[in-house]
Amino acid sequence: MIDEQRLARSGIALSMNGSSKEDVVLQMGEIMRLKLDADLVTLSACRTGLGKLLNGEGMVGLSRAFFYAGAKSVVVSLWNVNDIASAELMKAFFRNLNKGISNDDALRDAKLTLINGRQRTWRHPYFWAPFVLAGTYK
């Protein structure tokens, strides 16, 4: 969930379990306080790379929060994404990572999987181009 007006309200909905006493949203401030030792965080939902451009700060959003928490790189999307095409892209991405391919090459190769795949519609950049990698490319 991205709130471009009130960035602190942006976060990740973890569960919609109505019996929970928690608000079930891991908000930006909570993410920033996490102590992660993660090479990669992937946020494959719609518009996860958006935020607010602040003078002297740059883009502030969920990806920045994960960098503060200790992530070395983050994959995000820049616009609304198609669920099925995104799932196929992510399967290919993680399959590539499991082969030991670097983050940037794994994402590029996953995009090529959609471009060269059987589903002709997914060859259009709308389906694969919103996903970008920020941070280190290990």
N, C-alpha and C. Protein backbone atom coordinates (compact mmCIF):
# COMPACT_ATOMS: atom_id res chain seq x y z
N MET A 1 0.86 -1.17 0.00
CA MET A 1 0.00 0.00 0.00
C MET A 1 0.90 1.23 0.00
N ILE A 2 0.74 2.06 -1.04
CA ILE A 2 1.55 3.27 -1.14
C ILE A 2 0.65 4.47 -0.92
N ASP A 3 1.01 5.29 0.05
CA ASP A 3 0.31 6.55 0.29
C ASP A 3 1.30 7.66 -0.05
N GLU A 4 1.17 8.20 -1.25
CA GLU A 4 2.13 9.20 -1.73
C GLU A 4 2.01 10.53 -0.99
N GLN A 5 0.89 10.78 -0.32
CA GLN A 5 0.72 12.02 0.43
C GLN A 5 1.29 11.91 1.84
N ARG A 6 1.03 10.78 2.48
CA ARG A 6 1.54 10.53 3.84
C ARG A 6 2.38 9.26 3.79
N LEU A 7 3.65 9.43 3.48
CA LEU A 7 4.54 8.28 3.25
C LEU A 7 4.59 7.33 4.43
N ALA A 8 4.53 7.85 5.63
CA ALA A 8 4.62 7.00 6.81
C ALA A 8 3.50 5.98 6.87
N ARG A 9 2.39 6.24 6.18
CA ARG A 9 1.27 5.30 6.16
C ARG A 9 1.45 4.20 5.13
N SER A 10 2.44 4.34 4.25
CA SER A 10 2.71 3.29 3.27
C SER A 10 3.20 2.05 3.99
N GLY A 11 2.90 0.89 3.43
CA GLY A 11 3.34 -0.33 4.08
C GLY A 11 2.93 -1.56 3.31
N ILE A 12 3.13 -2.70 3.94
CA ILE A 12 2.83 -3.99 3.35
C ILE A 12 1.76 -4.66 4.20
N ALA A 13 0.65 -5.02 3.56
CA ALA A 13 -0.41 -5.75 4.27
C ALA A 13 0.03 -7.20 4.39
N LEU A 14 0.19 -7.66 5.61
CA LEU A 14 0.70 -9.00 5.85
C LEU A 14 -0.39 -10.05 5.93
N SER A 15 -1.57 -9.64 6.39
CA SER A 15 -2.66 -10.59 6.58
C SER A 15 -3.96 -9.82 6.67
N MET A 16 -5.01 -10.46 6.30
CA MET A 16 -6.32 -9.85 6.46
C MET A 16 -7.14 -10.62 7.48
N ASN A 17 -6.47 -11.24 8.43
CA ASN A 17 -7.10 -12.00 9.49
C ASN A 17 -7.82 -11.04 10.44
N GLY A 18 -9.13 -11.09 10.44
CA GLY A 18 -9.92 -10.17 11.26
C GLY A 18 -9.77 -10.37 12.75
N SER A 19 -9.23 -11.51 13.18
CA SER A 19 -9.12 -11.77 14.61
C SER A 19 -7.83 -11.19 15.21
N SER A 20 -6.96 -10.67 14.39
CA SER A 20 -5.70 -10.12 14.87
C SER A 20 -5.92 -8.80 15.59
N LYS A 21 -5.16 -8.57 16.66
CA LYS A 21 -5.24 -7.30 17.38
C LYS A 21 -4.32 -6.26 16.74
N GLU A 22 -3.43 -6.71 15.87
CA GLU A 22 -2.54 -5.81 15.14
C GLU A 22 -3.28 -5.22 13.95
N ASP A 23 -2.74 -4.16 13.40
CA ASP A 23 -3.36 -3.55 12.23
C ASP A 23 -3.01 -4.29 10.94
N VAL A 24 -2.20 -5.30 10.99
CA VAL A 24 -1.77 -6.19 9.90
C VAL A 24 -1.01 -5.48 8.79
N VAL A 25 -0.64 -4.22 8.98
CA VAL A 25 0.16 -3.51 7.99
C VAL A 25 1.52 -3.19 8.60
N LEU A 26 2.56 -3.64 7.92
CA LEU A 26 3.93 -3.31 8.31
C LEU A 26 4.24 -1.98 7.64
N GLN A 27 4.16 -0.89 8.42
CA GLN A 27 4.31 0.45 7.86
C GLN A 27 5.77 0.82 7.69
N MET A 28 5.99 1.88 6.90
CA MET A 28 7.36 2.28 6.56
C MET A 28 8.26 2.44 7.78
N GLY A 29 7.77 3.09 8.80
CA GLY A 29 8.58 3.28 10.01
C GLY A 29 8.96 1.96 10.66
N GLU A 30 8.03 1.02 10.65
CA GLU A 30 8.31 -0.31 11.21
C GLU A 30 9.32 -1.06 10.35
N ILE A 31 9.20 -0.92 9.04
CA ILE A 31 10.16 -1.56 8.14
C ILE A 31 11.55 -1.01 8.40
N MET A 32 11.67 0.30 8.54
CA MET A 32 12.97 0.94 8.76
C MET A 32 13.63 0.46 10.04
N ARG A 33 12.84 0.08 11.02
CA ARG A 33 13.41 -0.37 12.30
C ARG A 33 13.76 -1.86 12.31
N LEU A 34 13.42 -2.57 11.24
CA LEU A 34 13.80 -3.98 11.16
C LEU A 34 15.31 -4.10 11.06
N LYS A 35 15.83 -5.19 11.50
CA LYS A 35 17.27 -5.47 11.38
C LYS A 35 17.43 -6.61 10.40
N LEU A 36 17.53 -6.27 9.13
CA LEU A 36 17.63 -7.28 8.08
C LEU A 36 19.08 -7.48 7.67
N ASP A 37 19.39 -8.68 7.29
CA ASP A 37 20.65 -8.99 6.62
C ASP A 37 20.26 -9.70 5.33
N ALA A 38 19.64 -8.94 4.44
CA ALA A 38 19.07 -9.52 3.23
C ALA A 38 19.81 -9.03 2.00
N ASP A 39 20.20 -9.96 1.16
CA ASP A 39 20.81 -9.59 -0.11
C ASP A 39 19.77 -9.00 -1.05
N LEU A 40 18.53 -9.48 -0.93
CA LEU A 40 17.49 -9.07 -1.86
C LEU A 40 16.12 -9.08 -1.20
N VAL A 41 15.36 -8.02 -1.43
CA VAL A 41 13.95 -7.96 -1.06
C VAL A 41 13.19 -7.74 -2.36
N THR A 42 12.13 -8.51 -2.57
CA THR A 42 11.32 -8.38 -3.78
C THR A 42 9.92 -7.96 -3.40
N LEU A 43 9.49 -6.83 -3.94
CA LEU A 43 8.15 -6.30 -3.72
C LEU A 43 7.44 -6.30 -5.07
N SER A 44 6.77 -7.41 -5.38
CA SER A 44 6.25 -7.59 -6.74
C SER A 44 4.81 -7.13 -6.93
N ALA A 45 4.26 -6.45 -5.96
CA ALA A 45 2.89 -5.93 -6.11
C ALA A 45 2.90 -4.65 -6.94
N CYS A 46 1.74 -4.11 -7.18
CA CYS A 46 1.60 -2.90 -7.99
C CYS A 46 2.26 -1.69 -7.34
N ARG A 47 3.02 -0.96 -8.11
CA ARG A 47 3.55 0.36 -7.76
C ARG A 47 4.40 0.39 -6.49
N THR A 48 5.10 -0.68 -6.18
CA THR A 48 5.88 -0.73 -4.94
C THR A 48 7.12 0.16 -4.99
N GLY A 49 7.51 0.60 -6.18
CA GLY A 49 8.67 1.47 -6.30
C GLY A 49 8.35 2.95 -6.23
N LEU A 50 7.08 3.26 -6.07
CA LEU A 50 6.69 4.67 -6.01
C LEU A 50 6.92 5.23 -4.62
N GLY A 51 6.92 6.52 -4.55
CA GLY A 51 7.10 7.21 -3.28
C GLY A 51 6.95 8.69 -3.52
N LYS A 52 7.71 9.46 -2.79
CA LYS A 52 7.65 10.91 -2.94
C LYS A 52 9.06 11.44 -3.12
N LEU A 53 9.23 12.32 -4.09
CA LEU A 53 10.52 12.94 -4.34
C LEU A 53 10.66 14.15 -3.43
N LEU A 54 11.64 14.08 -2.53
CA LEU A 54 11.87 15.16 -1.56
C LEU A 54 13.20 15.83 -1.86
N ASN A 55 13.19 17.17 -1.89
CA ASN A 55 14.43 17.91 -2.11
C ASN A 55 15.48 17.51 -1.09
N GLY A 56 16.66 17.21 -1.56
CA GLY A 56 17.76 16.84 -0.67
C GLY A 56 17.72 15.41 -0.18
N GLU A 57 16.65 14.70 -0.44
CA GLU A 57 16.49 13.33 0.04
C GLU A 57 16.39 12.33 -1.10
N GLY A 58 15.87 12.76 -2.24
CA GLY A 58 15.61 11.84 -3.34
C GLY A 58 14.26 11.18 -3.15
N MET A 59 14.11 10.00 -3.75
CA MET A 59 12.84 9.27 -3.68
C MET A 59 12.73 8.56 -2.34
N VAL A 60 11.65 8.82 -1.64
CA VAL A 60 11.40 8.19 -0.34
C VAL A 60 10.17 7.30 -0.50
N GLY A 61 10.34 6.02 -0.21
CA GLY A 61 9.26 5.07 -0.34
C GLY A 61 9.64 3.75 0.32
N LEU A 62 8.93 2.68 -0.05
CA LEU A 62 9.18 1.37 0.56
C LEU A 62 10.59 0.86 0.28
N SER A 63 11.09 1.09 -0.91
CA SER A 63 12.44 0.60 -1.20
C SER A 63 13.46 1.25 -0.27
N ARG A 64 13.33 2.55 -0.04
CA ARG A 64 14.25 3.24 0.87
C ARG A 64 14.13 2.65 2.28
N ALA A 65 12.92 2.35 2.70
CA ALA A 65 12.72 1.77 4.03
C ALA A 65 13.46 0.44 4.15
N PHE A 66 13.39 -0.40 3.11
CA PHE A 66 14.09 -1.68 3.16
C PHE A 66 15.61 -1.51 3.11
N PHE A 67 16.10 -0.48 2.40
CA PHE A 67 17.54 -0.20 2.43
C PHE A 67 17.98 0.19 3.84
N TYR A 68 17.20 1.04 4.51
CA TYR A 68 17.50 1.42 5.89
C TYR A 68 17.52 0.19 6.80
N ALA A 69 16.63 -0.75 6.52
CA ALA A 69 16.52 -1.94 7.37
C ALA A 69 17.67 -2.92 7.14
N GLY A 70 18.41 -2.75 6.04
CA GLY A 70 19.56 -3.62 5.81
C GLY A 70 19.54 -4.41 4.52
N ALA A 71 18.55 -4.21 3.68
CA ALA A 71 18.53 -4.90 2.38
C ALA A 71 19.61 -4.31 1.49
N LYS A 72 20.29 -5.16 0.75
CA LYS A 72 21.33 -4.69 -0.16
C LYS A 72 20.78 -4.32 -1.53
N SER A 73 19.69 -4.96 -1.92
CA SER A 73 19.01 -4.61 -3.17
C SER A 73 17.52 -4.91 -3.03
N VAL A 74 16.74 -4.20 -3.85
CA VAL A 74 15.29 -4.32 -3.79
C VAL A 74 14.75 -4.34 -5.22
N VAL A 75 13.85 -5.28 -5.51
CA VAL A 75 13.11 -5.29 -6.77
C VAL A 75 11.74 -4.72 -6.49
N VAL A 76 11.35 -3.73 -7.30
CA VAL A 76 10.06 -3.07 -7.14
C VAL A 76 9.40 -2.90 -8.50
N SER A 77 8.12 -2.55 -8.47
CA SER A 77 7.40 -2.26 -9.72
C SER A 77 7.05 -0.77 -9.76
N LEU A 78 7.01 -0.22 -10.96
CA LEU A 78 6.79 1.20 -11.12
C LEU A 78 5.37 1.56 -11.52
N TRP A 79 4.55 0.57 -11.87
CA TRP A 79 3.15 0.83 -12.20
C TRP A 79 2.33 -0.40 -11.88
N ASN A 80 1.02 -0.31 -12.09
CA ASN A 80 0.14 -1.45 -11.85
C ASN A 80 0.56 -2.60 -12.74
N VAL A 81 0.56 -3.80 -12.18
CA VAL A 81 1.04 -4.96 -12.91
C VAL A 81 -0.07 -6.00 -13.06
N ASN A 82 0.08 -6.84 -14.06
CA ASN A 82 -0.82 -7.95 -14.29
C ASN A 82 -0.42 -9.09 -13.37
N ASP A 83 -1.36 -9.61 -12.59
CA ASP A 83 -1.04 -10.64 -11.59
C ASP A 83 -0.43 -11.89 -12.20
N ILE A 84 -1.01 -12.39 -13.27
CA ILE A 84 -0.55 -13.66 -13.84
C ILE A 84 0.81 -13.50 -14.51
N ALA A 85 0.98 -12.44 -15.29
CA ALA A 85 2.27 -12.20 -15.94
C ALA A 85 3.35 -11.95 -14.89
N SER A 86 3.02 -11.21 -13.83
CA SER A 86 3.99 -10.94 -12.76
C SER A 86 4.40 -12.21 -12.04
N ALA A 87 3.44 -13.09 -11.83
CA ALA A 87 3.75 -14.37 -11.18
C ALA A 87 4.71 -15.19 -12.04
N GLU A 88 4.49 -15.20 -13.34
CA GLU A 88 5.39 -15.93 -14.24
C GLU A 88 6.77 -15.29 -14.26
N LEU A 89 6.81 -13.97 -14.27
CA LEU A 89 8.09 -13.26 -14.24
C LEU A 89 8.84 -13.58 -12.96
N MET A 90 8.14 -13.56 -11.82
CA MET A 90 8.79 -13.83 -10.54
C MET A 90 9.26 -15.28 -10.44
N LYS A 91 8.48 -16.22 -10.99
CA LYS A 91 8.93 -17.62 -11.01
C LYS A 91 10.23 -17.75 -11.77
N ALA A 92 10.30 -17.11 -12.94
CA ALA A 92 11.52 -17.16 -13.74
C ALA A 92 12.67 -16.46 -13.02
N PHE A 93 12.38 -15.33 -12.39
CA PHE A 93 13.40 -14.58 -11.65
C PHE A 93 14.01 -15.44 -10.55
N PHE A 94 13.17 -16.05 -9.72
CA PHE A 94 13.69 -16.84 -8.61
C PHE A 94 14.32 -18.15 -9.09
N ARG A 95 13.84 -18.70 -10.17
CA ARG A 95 14.48 -19.88 -10.76
C ARG A 95 15.92 -19.50 -11.18
N ASN A 96 16.07 -18.33 -11.78
CA ASN A 96 17.40 -17.85 -12.18
C ASN A 96 18.29 -17.60 -10.97
N LEU A 97 17.74 -17.00 -9.93
CA LEU A 97 18.53 -16.77 -8.72
C LEU A 97 19.01 -18.08 -8.12
N ASN A 98 18.13 -19.09 -8.13
CA ASN A 98 18.50 -20.40 -7.58
C ASN A 98 19.61 -21.07 -8.37
N LYS A 99 19.80 -20.67 -9.61
CA LYS A 99 20.90 -21.18 -10.44
C LYS A 99 22.20 -20.46 -10.15
N GLY A 100 22.14 -19.44 -9.29
CA GLY A 100 23.34 -18.69 -8.95
C GLY A 100 23.59 -17.48 -9.83
N ILE A 101 22.62 -17.13 -10.64
CA ILE A 101 22.74 -15.97 -11.52
C ILE A 101 22.60 -14.70 -10.67
N SER A 102 23.35 -13.66 -11.01
CA SER A 102 23.30 -12.41 -10.25
C SER A 102 21.91 -11.79 -10.34
N ASN A 103 21.61 -10.92 -9.39
CA ASN A 103 20.27 -10.30 -9.31
C ASN A 103 19.89 -9.61 -10.61
N ASP A 104 20.80 -8.79 -11.14
CA ASP A 104 20.46 -8.03 -12.35
C ASP A 104 20.30 -8.94 -13.56
N ASP A 105 21.18 -9.92 -13.70
CA ASP A 105 21.05 -10.85 -14.83
C ASP A 105 19.81 -11.74 -14.67
N ALA A 106 19.50 -12.12 -13.44
CA ALA A 106 18.32 -12.96 -13.20
C ALA A 106 17.05 -12.23 -13.58
N LEU A 107 16.97 -10.93 -13.26
CA LEU A 107 15.79 -10.15 -13.61
C LEU A 107 15.72 -9.95 -15.13
N ARG A 108 16.86 -9.61 -15.73
CA ARG A 108 16.88 -9.44 -17.19
C ARG A 108 16.45 -10.72 -17.90
N ASP A 109 17.00 -11.86 -17.47
CA ASP A 109 16.65 -13.14 -18.10
C ASP A 109 15.18 -13.49 -17.88
N ALA A 110 14.63 -13.13 -16.73
CA ALA A 110 13.21 -13.38 -16.47
C ALA A 110 12.35 -12.54 -17.42
N LYS A 111 12.76 -11.31 -17.65
CA LYS A 111 12.04 -10.46 -18.60
C LYS A 111 12.11 -11.06 -20.00
N LEU A 112 13.27 -11.58 -20.37
CA LEU A 112 13.42 -12.21 -21.68
C LEU A 112 12.55 -13.46 -21.80
N THR A 113 12.33 -14.14 -20.69
CA THR A 113 11.44 -15.31 -20.69
C THR A 113 10.04 -14.90 -21.10
N LEU A 114 9.56 -13.76 -20.59
CA LEU A 114 8.24 -13.28 -20.99
C LEU A 114 8.25 -12.80 -22.44
N ILE A 115 9.29 -12.09 -22.82
CA ILE A 115 9.39 -11.56 -24.19
C ILE A 115 9.40 -12.69 -25.22
N ASN A 116 10.08 -13.78 -24.90
CA ASN A 116 10.23 -14.89 -25.84
C ASN A 116 9.26 -16.04 -25.59
N GLY A 117 8.33 -15.85 -24.64
CA GLY A 117 7.43 -16.93 -24.23
C GLY A 117 6.26 -17.15 -25.18
N ARG A 118 5.49 -18.15 -24.85
CA ARG A 118 4.32 -18.53 -25.66
C ARG A 118 3.21 -17.50 -25.61
N GLN A 119 3.06 -16.84 -24.46
CA GLN A 119 1.98 -15.86 -24.28
C GLN A 119 2.38 -14.57 -25.01
N ARG A 120 1.90 -14.40 -26.21
CA ARG A 120 2.29 -13.27 -27.06
C ARG A 120 1.98 -11.92 -26.41
N THR A 121 0.89 -11.84 -25.69
CA THR A 121 0.49 -10.58 -25.05
C THR A 121 1.56 -10.09 -24.09
N TRP A 122 2.20 -11.00 -23.38
CA TRP A 122 3.18 -10.63 -22.36
C TRP A 122 4.48 -10.11 -22.96
N ARG A 123 4.63 -10.14 -24.25
CA ARG A 123 5.83 -9.61 -24.90
C ARG A 123 5.85 -8.09 -24.85
N HIS A 124 4.68 -7.50 -24.66
CA HIS A 124 4.58 -6.05 -24.58
C HIS A 124 5.25 -5.56 -23.29
N PRO A 125 6.01 -4.46 -23.37
CA PRO A 125 6.71 -3.94 -22.18
C PRO A 125 5.83 -3.69 -20.97
N TYR A 126 4.55 -3.44 -21.17
CA TYR A 126 3.65 -3.21 -20.04
C TYR A 126 3.75 -4.34 -19.02
N PHE A 127 3.98 -5.56 -19.47
CA PHE A 127 3.93 -6.73 -18.60
C PHE A 127 5.25 -7.02 -17.88
N TRP A 128 6.37 -6.58 -18.42
CA TRP A 128 7.65 -6.90 -17.79
C TRP A 128 8.49 -5.68 -17.41
N ALA A 129 8.26 -4.55 -18.06
CA ALA A 129 9.10 -3.37 -17.83
C ALA A 129 8.93 -2.68 -16.48
N PRO A 130 7.80 -2.83 -15.78
CA PRO A 130 7.69 -2.08 -14.52
C PRO A 130 8.64 -2.56 -13.43
N PHE A 131 9.22 -3.74 -13.59
CA PHE A 131 10.07 -4.28 -12.54
C PHE A 131 11.52 -3.82 -12.71
N VAL A 132 12.03 -3.20 -11.66
CA VAL A 132 13.40 -2.68 -11.68
C VAL A 132 14.12 -3.13 -10.41
N LEU A 133 15.43 -3.20 -10.52
CA LEU A 133 16.29 -3.59 -9.41
C LEU A 133 17.06 -2.36 -8.95
N ALA A 134 17.00 -2.07 -7.67
CA ALA A 134 17.77 -0.97 -7.09
C ALA A 134 18.74 -1.53 -6.08
N GLY A 135 19.90 -0.89 -5.95
CA GLY A 135 20.89 -1.35 -4.99
C GLY A 135 22.02 -2.09 -5.65
N THR A 136 22.63 -3.00 -4.93
CA THR A 136 23.76 -3.77 -5.47
C THR A 136 23.27 -4.84 -6.41
N TYR A 137 24.12 -5.22 -7.32
CA TYR A 137 23.74 -6.20 -8.35
C TYR A 137 24.49 -7.52 -8.19
N LYS A 138 24.76 -7.88 -7.00
CA LYS A 138 25.50 -9.10 -6.66
C LYS A 138 24.91 -10.33 -7.26
